[in-house]
Protein backbone atom coordinates (compact mmCIF):
# COMPACT_ATOMS: atom_id res chain seq x y z
CA UNK A 1 -15.83 43.20 46.56
CA UNK A 2 -14.06 39.97 47.36
CA UNK A 3 -17.23 38.01 48.12
CA UNK A 4 -16.29 37.28 51.71
CA UNK A 5 -18.90 37.85 54.42
CA UNK A 6 -18.61 41.06 56.38
CA UNK A 7 -16.59 40.42 59.52
CA UNK A 8 -18.81 41.34 62.44
CA UNK A 9 -16.62 39.92 65.18
CA UNK A 10 -15.95 43.43 66.46
CA UNK A 11 -17.06 43.77 70.07
CA UNK A 12 -20.81 44.29 69.93
CA UNK A 13 -21.25 45.90 73.34
CA UNK A 14 -19.36 49.11 72.57
CA UNK A 15 -22.34 51.38 73.29
CA UNK A 16 -23.20 49.99 76.74
CA UNK A 17 -23.33 52.82 79.31
CA UNK A 18 -20.34 52.84 81.62
CA UNK A 19 -20.58 51.68 85.24
CA UNK A 20 -19.84 55.25 86.31
CA UNK A 21 -22.80 56.54 84.32
CA UNK A 22 -25.09 53.91 85.79
CA UNK A 23 -23.95 54.59 89.37
CA UNK A 24 -25.02 58.22 89.09
CA UNK A 25 -28.60 56.98 89.21
CA UNK A 26 -29.50 54.76 92.19
CA UNK A 27 -31.21 51.53 91.14
CA UNK A 28 -33.20 48.70 92.61
CA UNK A 29 -34.29 45.40 91.11
CA UNK A 30 -37.94 44.68 90.39
CA UNK A 31 -39.73 41.60 89.12
CA UNK A 32 -42.71 41.53 86.77
CA UNK A 33 -43.64 45.15 87.47
CA UNK A 34 -45.88 47.24 85.22
CA UNK A 35 -43.82 50.17 83.88
CA UNK A 36 -43.61 52.73 81.10
CA UNK A 37 -40.36 53.31 79.25
CA UNK A 38 -39.21 56.82 78.34
CA UNK A 39 -41.36 56.74 75.22
CA UNK A 40 -44.42 55.90 77.33
CA UNK A 41 -44.74 52.36 76.00
CA UNK A 42 -46.27 50.10 78.64
CA UNK A 43 -45.20 46.61 79.59
CA UNK A 44 -44.22 44.18 82.32
CA UNK A 45 -40.59 44.62 83.36
CA UNK A 46 -38.05 42.56 85.27
CA UNK A 47 -34.63 44.00 86.04
CA UNK A 48 -32.96 47.15 87.33
CA UNK A 49 -34.81 50.48 87.44
CA UNK A 50 -33.90 54.08 88.23
CA UNK A 51 -35.38 54.73 91.68
CA UNK A 52 -36.03 58.40 90.90
CA UNK A 53 -37.57 58.15 87.44
CA UNK A 54 -39.05 54.66 87.94
CA UNK A 55 -37.91 53.58 84.48
CA UNK A 56 -35.66 50.70 83.33
CA UNK A 57 -31.99 51.48 84.01
CA UNK A 58 -29.23 48.87 83.75
CA UNK A 59 -30.04 45.36 82.57
CA UNK A 60 -33.55 44.06 82.24
CA UNK A 61 -36.35 42.60 80.14
CA UNK A 62 -39.52 44.39 79.07
CA UNK A 63 -42.52 42.48 77.76
CA UNK A 64 -44.46 45.18 75.94
CA UNK A 65 -48.23 45.27 75.83
CA UNK A 66 -48.18 45.09 72.01
CA UNK A 67 -46.36 41.74 72.11
CA UNK A 68 -42.84 43.05 71.58
CA UNK A 69 -39.94 42.11 73.85
CA UNK A 70 -36.65 43.82 74.65
CA UNK A 71 -33.93 42.12 76.66
CA UNK A 72 -30.70 43.98 77.28
CA UNK A 73 -29.18 47.21 78.51
CA UNK A 74 -31.13 50.33 79.38
CA UNK A 75 -30.23 53.90 80.25
CA UNK A 76 -32.92 55.98 81.93
CA UNK A 77 -35.78 54.24 80.18
CA UNK A 78 -34.38 53.81 76.66
CA UNK A 79 -32.61 50.91 74.94
CA UNK A 80 -28.94 51.78 75.20
CA UNK A 81 -26.19 49.25 74.60
CA UNK A 82 -26.31 45.62 73.63
CA UNK A 83 -29.73 44.01 73.51
CA UNK A 84 -32.26 41.93 71.61
CA UNK A 85 -35.62 43.18 70.38
CA UNK A 86 -38.33 40.87 69.04
CA UNK A 87 -40.82 42.72 66.84
CA UNK A 88 -44.43 41.51 67.17
CA UNK A 89 -45.44 42.73 63.70
CA UNK A 90 -42.68 41.31 61.48
CA UNK A 91 -41.67 38.46 63.85
CA UNK A 92 -38.07 39.57 63.30
CA UNK A 93 -35.42 39.47 66.03
CA UNK A 94 -32.79 42.24 66.20
CA UNK A 95 -29.66 41.60 68.25
CA UNK A 96 -26.99 44.27 68.45
CA UNK A 97 -26.12 47.75 69.68
CA UNK A 98 -28.88 50.25 70.39
CA UNK A 99 -28.53 53.97 70.99
CA UNK A 100 -31.58 55.82 72.37
CA UNK A 101 -33.91 53.07 71.08
CA UNK A 102 -32.28 53.21 67.62
CA UNK A 103 -30.33 50.43 65.91
CA UNK A 104 -26.81 51.81 65.62
CA UNK A 105 -23.88 49.43 65.24
CA UNK A 106 -23.43 45.77 64.36
CA UNK A 107 -26.53 43.58 64.25
CA UNK A 108 -27.73 40.08 63.56
CA UNK A 109 -31.34 40.11 62.36
CA UNK A 110 -33.35 36.90 62.05
CA UNK A 111 -36.58 36.97 60.03
CA UNK A 112 -39.54 34.64 60.29
CA UNK A 113 -39.23 33.59 56.63
CA UNK A 114 -35.69 32.30 57.10
CA UNK A 115 -33.70 35.37 56.06
CA UNK A 116 -30.75 36.44 58.17
CA UNK A 117 -28.94 39.80 58.05
CA UNK A 118 -25.49 40.20 59.61
CA UNK A 119 -24.06 43.67 59.29
CA UNK A 120 -24.21 47.36 60.06
CA UNK A 121 -26.97 49.73 61.04
CA UNK A 122 -26.40 53.48 61.11
CA UNK A 123 -29.14 55.44 62.88
CA UNK A 124 -31.73 52.73 62.15
CA UNK A 125 -30.67 52.36 58.49
CA UNK A 126 -28.92 49.28 57.06
CA UNK A 127 -25.36 49.81 55.87
CA UNK A 128 -22.90 47.18 54.70
CA UNK A 129 -23.67 43.57 55.48
CA UNK A 130 -24.67 40.07 54.44
CA UNK A 131 -28.22 38.91 53.74
CA UNK A 132 -28.66 35.14 53.72
CA UNK A 133 -31.71 33.44 52.22
CA UNK A 134 -32.67 29.82 51.64
CA UNK A 135 -31.85 30.35 47.93
CA UNK A 136 -28.52 32.13 48.30
CA UNK A 137 -26.58 35.05 49.75
CA UNK A 138 -26.03 38.77 49.08
CA UNK A 139 -22.92 40.65 50.22
CA UNK A 140 -22.77 44.42 49.93
CA UNK A 141 -24.52 47.68 50.66
CA UNK A 142 -28.20 48.36 51.32
CA UNK A 143 -30.48 51.40 51.11
CA UNK A 144 -32.79 52.56 53.89
CA UNK A 145 -35.50 50.13 52.74
CA UNK A 146 -33.15 47.16 53.00
CA UNK A 147 -32.58 46.79 49.24
CA UNK A 148 -29.19 46.24 47.59
CA UNK A 149 -27.78 49.65 46.68
CA UNK A 150 -24.25 50.38 45.50
CA UNK A 151 -21.69 47.64 45.04
CA UNK A 152 -22.76 44.11 45.89
CA UNK A 153 -22.60 40.43 45.04
CA UNK A 154 -25.57 38.07 44.81
CA UNK A 155 -24.82 34.35 44.72
CA UNK A 156 -27.43 31.64 44.20
CA UNK A 157 -26.99 28.14 45.60
CA UNK A 158 -27.31 26.75 42.06
CA UNK A 159 -24.17 28.69 41.02
CA UNK A 160 -25.75 31.71 39.34
CA UNK A 161 -24.02 34.91 40.48
CA UNK A 162 -24.20 38.68 39.89
CA UNK A 163 -21.34 40.90 41.02
CA UNK A 164 -21.75 44.57 40.25
CA UNK A 165 -23.73 47.75 40.76
CA UNK A 166 -27.23 48.07 42.20
CA UNK A 167 -29.72 50.93 42.44
CA UNK A 168 -32.48 50.40 45.01
CA UNK A 169 -32.67 46.66 44.46
CA UNK A 170 -32.24 46.70 40.67
CA UNK A 171 -29.17 45.49 38.76
CA UNK A 172 -28.15 48.81 37.21
CA UNK A 173 -24.74 49.80 35.87
CA UNK A 174 -21.67 47.68 35.28
CA UNK A 175 -21.63 44.08 36.43
CA UNK A 176 -20.82 40.46 35.74
CA UNK A 177 -23.45 37.74 35.55
CA UNK A 178 -22.02 34.24 35.85
CA UNK A 179 -24.42 31.44 35.00
CA UNK A 180 -24.39 28.06 36.65
CA UNK A 181 -23.07 25.06 34.76
CA UNK A 182 -26.55 23.87 33.87
CA UNK A 183 -26.75 26.69 31.28
CA UNK A 184 -23.68 25.55 29.34
CA UNK A 185 -22.71 22.45 27.41
CA UNK A 186 -20.39 19.88 28.93
CA UNK A 187 -20.19 21.86 32.16
CA UNK A 188 -18.70 24.81 30.30
CA UNK A 189 -18.30 28.27 31.87
CA UNK A 190 -20.86 30.89 30.83
CA UNK A 191 -20.89 34.57 31.80
CA UNK A 192 -21.90 38.07 30.70
CA UNK A 193 -19.73 41.10 31.48
CA UNK A 194 -21.00 44.59 30.75
CA UNK A 195 -23.85 47.01 31.34
CA UNK A 196 -27.18 46.30 33.01
CA UNK A 197 -30.38 48.34 33.13
CA UNK A 198 -33.54 47.46 35.04
CA UNK A 199 -32.31 43.92 35.79
CA UNK A 200 -31.51 43.27 32.11
CA UNK A 201 -28.41 43.18 29.93
CA UNK A 202 -28.47 46.58 28.20
CA UNK A 203 -25.63 48.59 26.66
CA UNK A 204 -22.23 47.20 25.76
CA UNK A 205 -21.30 43.75 26.97
CA UNK A 206 -19.60 40.50 26.12
CA UNK A 207 -21.08 37.03 26.32
CA UNK A 208 -18.91 33.96 26.81
CA UNK A 209 -20.49 30.52 26.44
CA UNK A 210 -18.58 27.35 27.24
CA UNK A 211 -15.39 29.43 27.39
CA UNK A 212 -16.00 30.72 23.84
CA UNK A 213 -16.59 34.44 23.13
CA UNK A 214 -19.97 34.61 21.41
CA UNK A 215 -20.98 38.28 21.34
CA UNK A 216 -18.98 41.47 21.94
CA UNK A 217 -21.28 44.38 21.25
CA UNK A 218 -24.53 46.08 22.18
CA UNK A 219 -27.48 44.63 24.08
CA UNK A 220 -31.03 45.90 24.44
CA UNK A 221 -33.61 44.54 26.88
CA UNK A 222 -31.58 41.39 27.46
CA UNK A 223 -31.05 40.61 23.77
CA UNK A 224 -27.94 41.11 21.58
CA UNK A 225 -28.33 43.87 18.97
CA UNK A 226 -27.98 42.47 15.44
CA UNK A 227 -24.88 43.69 13.63
CA UNK A 228 -23.28 45.28 16.69
CA UNK A 229 -20.88 42.46 17.46
CA UNK A 230 -17.23 42.79 16.55
CA UNK A 231 -17.30 39.04 15.90
CA UNK A 232 -18.44 37.25 12.79
CA UNK A 233 -22.07 36.11 12.88
CA UNK A 234 -20.69 32.62 12.34
CA UNK A 235 -19.69 32.72 15.99
CA UNK A 236 -23.36 32.44 16.84
CA UNK A 237 -23.34 28.88 15.55
CA UNK A 238 -21.05 26.38 17.20
CA UNK A 239 -20.51 22.78 16.17
CA UNK A 240 -19.91 20.64 19.27
CA UNK A 241 -17.99 17.36 19.16
CA UNK A 242 -21.10 15.38 18.23
CA UNK A 243 -21.38 17.35 14.99
CA UNK A 244 -24.85 18.90 15.49
CA UNK A 245 -24.82 22.67 15.04
CA UNK A 246 -26.35 24.76 17.84
CA UNK A 247 -27.26 28.43 18.09
CA UNK A 248 -25.94 29.17 21.56
CA UNK A 249 -27.43 32.63 22.07
CA UNK A 250 -30.89 31.13 22.10
CA UNK A 251 -29.92 28.86 24.98
CA UNK A 252 -28.74 31.58 27.36
CA UNK A 253 -31.27 32.38 30.10
CA UNK A 254 -32.70 35.84 30.59
CA UNK A 255 -31.17 37.86 33.40
CA UNK A 256 -34.56 37.74 35.09
CA UNK A 257 -34.25 33.96 35.27
CA UNK A 258 -33.30 32.85 37.80
CA UNK A 259 -31.35 35.58 39.63
CA UNK A 260 -33.94 38.31 39.70
CA UNK A 261 -36.55 36.00 41.20
CA UNK A 262 -34.17 35.74 44.13
CA UNK A 263 -33.83 39.51 44.41
CA UNK A 264 -37.59 39.97 44.59
CA UNK A 265 -37.64 37.97 47.83
CA UNK A 266 -34.52 39.72 49.04
CA UNK A 267 -36.00 43.14 48.40
CA UNK A 268 -38.97 42.88 50.75
CA UNK A 269 -38.67 45.58 53.39
CA UNK A 270 -36.22 44.57 56.10
CA UNK A 271 -37.59 46.31 59.16
C-alpha cells in the first residue's frame, strides 16, 4: 500500500434508476404526506411518488417516525441510487450509492464522534477505504464489523505508524512499526520490522534505533528474546556524543503505546 487515500472521485450516482425506468411508473409530487416505504416503515414524505403503489418513486425526502431521514433517489419505495441517510441511533450520516435499501458503492460516512469513512461498501459491508479520526488516519481494508482486516496502514498525527497485516482489528502478521521522533535520541529514526501477534512484536524482527541496528532476532510479547540476536549484546548499549552510556531497548515504547490505543477507538462498530 502506498499510503495514499483511496480515490473516490468516481461518479457516485452510477446506480440511479434510468429515466426510462422511472417513466414506466406514472408519478406525482406530494408534500409532507404520511407514507410507508416498501419495507413498511412510516414517515412524512416530500417528493415524487408512484401513483399506483403510493410509495416514493424518483427523488424525495422521507422523515421516518423513528427519527431517521433519507434524502435522495427512490425506486418503487426503496432507496435506489444516490442518497443520504441519517441514522437516529448512531447519529451517523451515510452519503453514497444505495441498491434496494443497501449500501453498495462509494460512500462518505460521517460519525458523531468525529470519525469519517471514505470508501467502498459491498452489499452493506465495508470494503477498501480511508478512516479518519482526530488522532490519525487508517488506509486499507475492513471486515464486516468495520475493523481493519487484511493489508492496511495506520498513521498517527504524532508520527507513529504501522504498515502491515491486520486480522479483525489486531496487528497480526508481518508489518513495520515506525515510531515518532520523540522515541529516539537527537530526532533519530526508530522502527521495528518483522512479525506481530495480538498487537505485539512477536516472532522474528529487527529493531533500529536512531538509525542503528539494535536487535535482529526473536521477540516474544513485545520483548526481545535474550540470546536470539545475531548482533553482539554490546549493541544494546550505545554511548552517545555526551559520553553517558544508555540501554536503548529499555527506551523503546510497547507496541500498545501509543498506536493500539488509537485502534481501539477505530475499531468501534462502524454501522
